[in-house]
Amino acid sequence: MEENGRKRVKKEYSAEFKAEAVRLVSSGERRVTEVARNLGVAVSTVSSWCKSARGAKDSGDTGGGDLVRQNQRLAAEVKRLRLEQEILKKAAAYFAKNLT
């Protein structure tokens, strides 16, 4: 394909890059258009990655799905640990106040 005398170069993206884009969209954190704009990728490209991920998930294919699941598990663990940390800070402040 040529555009104004220049050849179009098809960009290649890593599986991790695609998985993170799909995770942002599928988790509901961001919309497809926002993710595409932030990553500098066409909206249609991000949409096709999401469709492929849904198709792979439905068919049981684990190509990239393992990374998505691992990211989701780690995000949930981080959320839980932050909550625990907040509770411990409040408890420490409460007991320290009662000691004085």
Protein backbone atom coordinates (compact mmCIF):
# COMPACT_ATOMS: atom_id res chain seq x y z
CA MET A 1 0.00 0.00 0.00
CA GLU A 2 1.24 3.42 -0.82
CA GLU A 3 0.09 6.74 0.48
CA ASN A 4 1.45 9.86 -1.21
CA GLY A 5 4.40 7.90 -2.58
CA ARG A 6 5.29 6.39 0.83
CA LYS A 7 4.89 2.79 1.81
CA ARG A 8 2.78 2.06 4.87
CA VAL A 9 4.61 0.10 7.52
CA LYS A 10 2.57 -2.26 9.65
CA LYS A 11 3.45 -1.79 13.30
CA GLU A 12 4.02 -4.84 15.47
CA TYR A 13 2.99 -4.74 19.14
CA SER A 14 4.08 -7.12 21.87
CA ALA A 15 1.63 -9.52 23.47
CA GLU A 16 2.08 -7.71 26.80
CA PHE A 17 1.22 -4.35 25.21
CA LYS A 18 -1.94 -5.78 23.66
CA ALA A 19 -2.91 -7.58 26.87
CA GLU A 20 -2.58 -4.40 28.91
CA ALA A 21 -4.71 -2.45 26.42
CA VAL A 22 -7.37 -5.17 26.52
CA ARG A 23 -7.23 -5.26 30.33
CA LEU A 24 -7.81 -1.51 30.57
CA VAL A 25 -10.86 -1.78 28.33
CA SER A 26 -12.30 -5.01 29.73
CA SER A 27 -11.91 -3.93 33.35
CA GLY A 28 -14.06 -0.89 32.65
CA GLU A 29 -11.28 1.49 33.72
CA ARG A 30 -11.21 3.19 30.33
CA ARG A 31 -13.08 3.28 27.04
CA VAL A 32 -11.63 1.91 23.80
CA THR A 33 -11.22 5.41 22.35
CA GLU A 34 -9.37 6.66 25.43
CA VAL A 35 -7.03 3.67 25.52
CA ALA A 36 -6.31 3.98 21.81
CA ARG A 37 -5.59 7.71 22.08
CA ASN A 38 -3.31 7.26 25.11
CA LEU A 39 -1.35 4.45 23.48
CA GLY A 40 -1.14 6.10 20.06
CA VAL A 41 -2.96 3.22 18.38
CA ALA A 42 -5.97 3.30 16.05
CA VAL A 43 -9.33 2.72 17.72
CA SER A 44 -10.06 -0.09 15.27
CA THR A 45 -6.83 -1.82 16.28
CA VAL A 46 -7.66 -1.77 20.00
CA SER A 47 -11.21 -2.91 19.20
CA SER A 48 -9.89 -5.86 17.21
CA TRP A 49 -7.55 -6.81 20.08
CA CYS A 50 -10.53 -6.79 22.45
CA LYS A 51 -12.63 -8.88 20.07
CA SER A 52 -9.78 -11.36 19.64
CA ALA A 53 -9.32 -11.59 23.40
CA ARG A 54 -13.04 -12.24 23.90
CA GLY A 55 -12.94 -14.89 21.16
CA ALA A 56 -9.87 -16.52 22.69
CA LYS A 57 -11.49 -16.46 26.11
CA ASP A 58 -14.66 -18.08 24.75
CA SER A 59 -12.72 -20.76 22.85
CA GLY A 60 -10.45 -21.55 25.79
CA ASP A 61 -7.30 -20.31 24.02
CA THR A 62 -4.74 -19.08 26.55
CA GLY A 63 -2.67 -16.96 24.16
CA GLY A 64 -2.24 -13.85 26.27
CA GLY A 65 -5.12 -14.78 28.56
CA ASP A 66 -2.70 -15.97 31.22
CA LEU A 67 -1.19 -12.51 31.41
CA VAL A 68 -4.60 -10.89 31.67
CA ARG A 69 -5.65 -13.25 34.46
CA GLN A 70 -2.35 -12.74 36.28
CA ASN A 71 -2.72 -8.94 36.00
CA GLN A 72 -6.26 -9.14 37.37
CA ARG A 73 -5.16 -11.36 40.26
CA LEU A 74 -2.27 -9.05 41.11
CA ALA A 75 -4.47 -5.96 40.90
CA ALA A 76 -6.93 -7.55 43.33
CA GLU A 77 -4.08 -8.46 45.68
CA VAL A 78 -2.69 -4.91 45.58
CA LYS A 79 -6.16 -3.55 46.40
CA ARG A 80 -6.50 -5.93 49.35
CA LEU A 81 -3.02 -5.10 50.67
CA ARG A 82 -3.67 -1.36 50.44
CA LEU A 83 -6.88 -1.81 52.42
CA GLU A 84 -5.03 -3.84 55.06
CA GLN A 85 -2.32 -1.19 55.24
CA GLU A 86 -4.92 1.55 55.74
CA ILE A 87 -6.59 -0.43 58.53
CA LEU A 88 -3.24 -1.04 60.25
CA LYS A 89 -2.33 2.65 60.06
CA LYS A 90 -5.63 3.61 61.69
CA ALA A 91 -5.22 0.96 64.39
CA ALA A 92 -1.67 2.09 65.14
CA ALA A 93 -2.81 5.71 65.41
CA TYR A 94 -5.68 4.72 67.70
CA PHE A 95 -3.47 2.72 70.08
CA ALA A 96 -0.70 5.33 70.04
CA LYS A 97 -3.25 8.01 71.01
CA ASN A 98 -4.46 5.92 73.96
CA LEU A 99 -0.92 5.34 75.25
CA THR A 100 -0.24 9.03 75.88
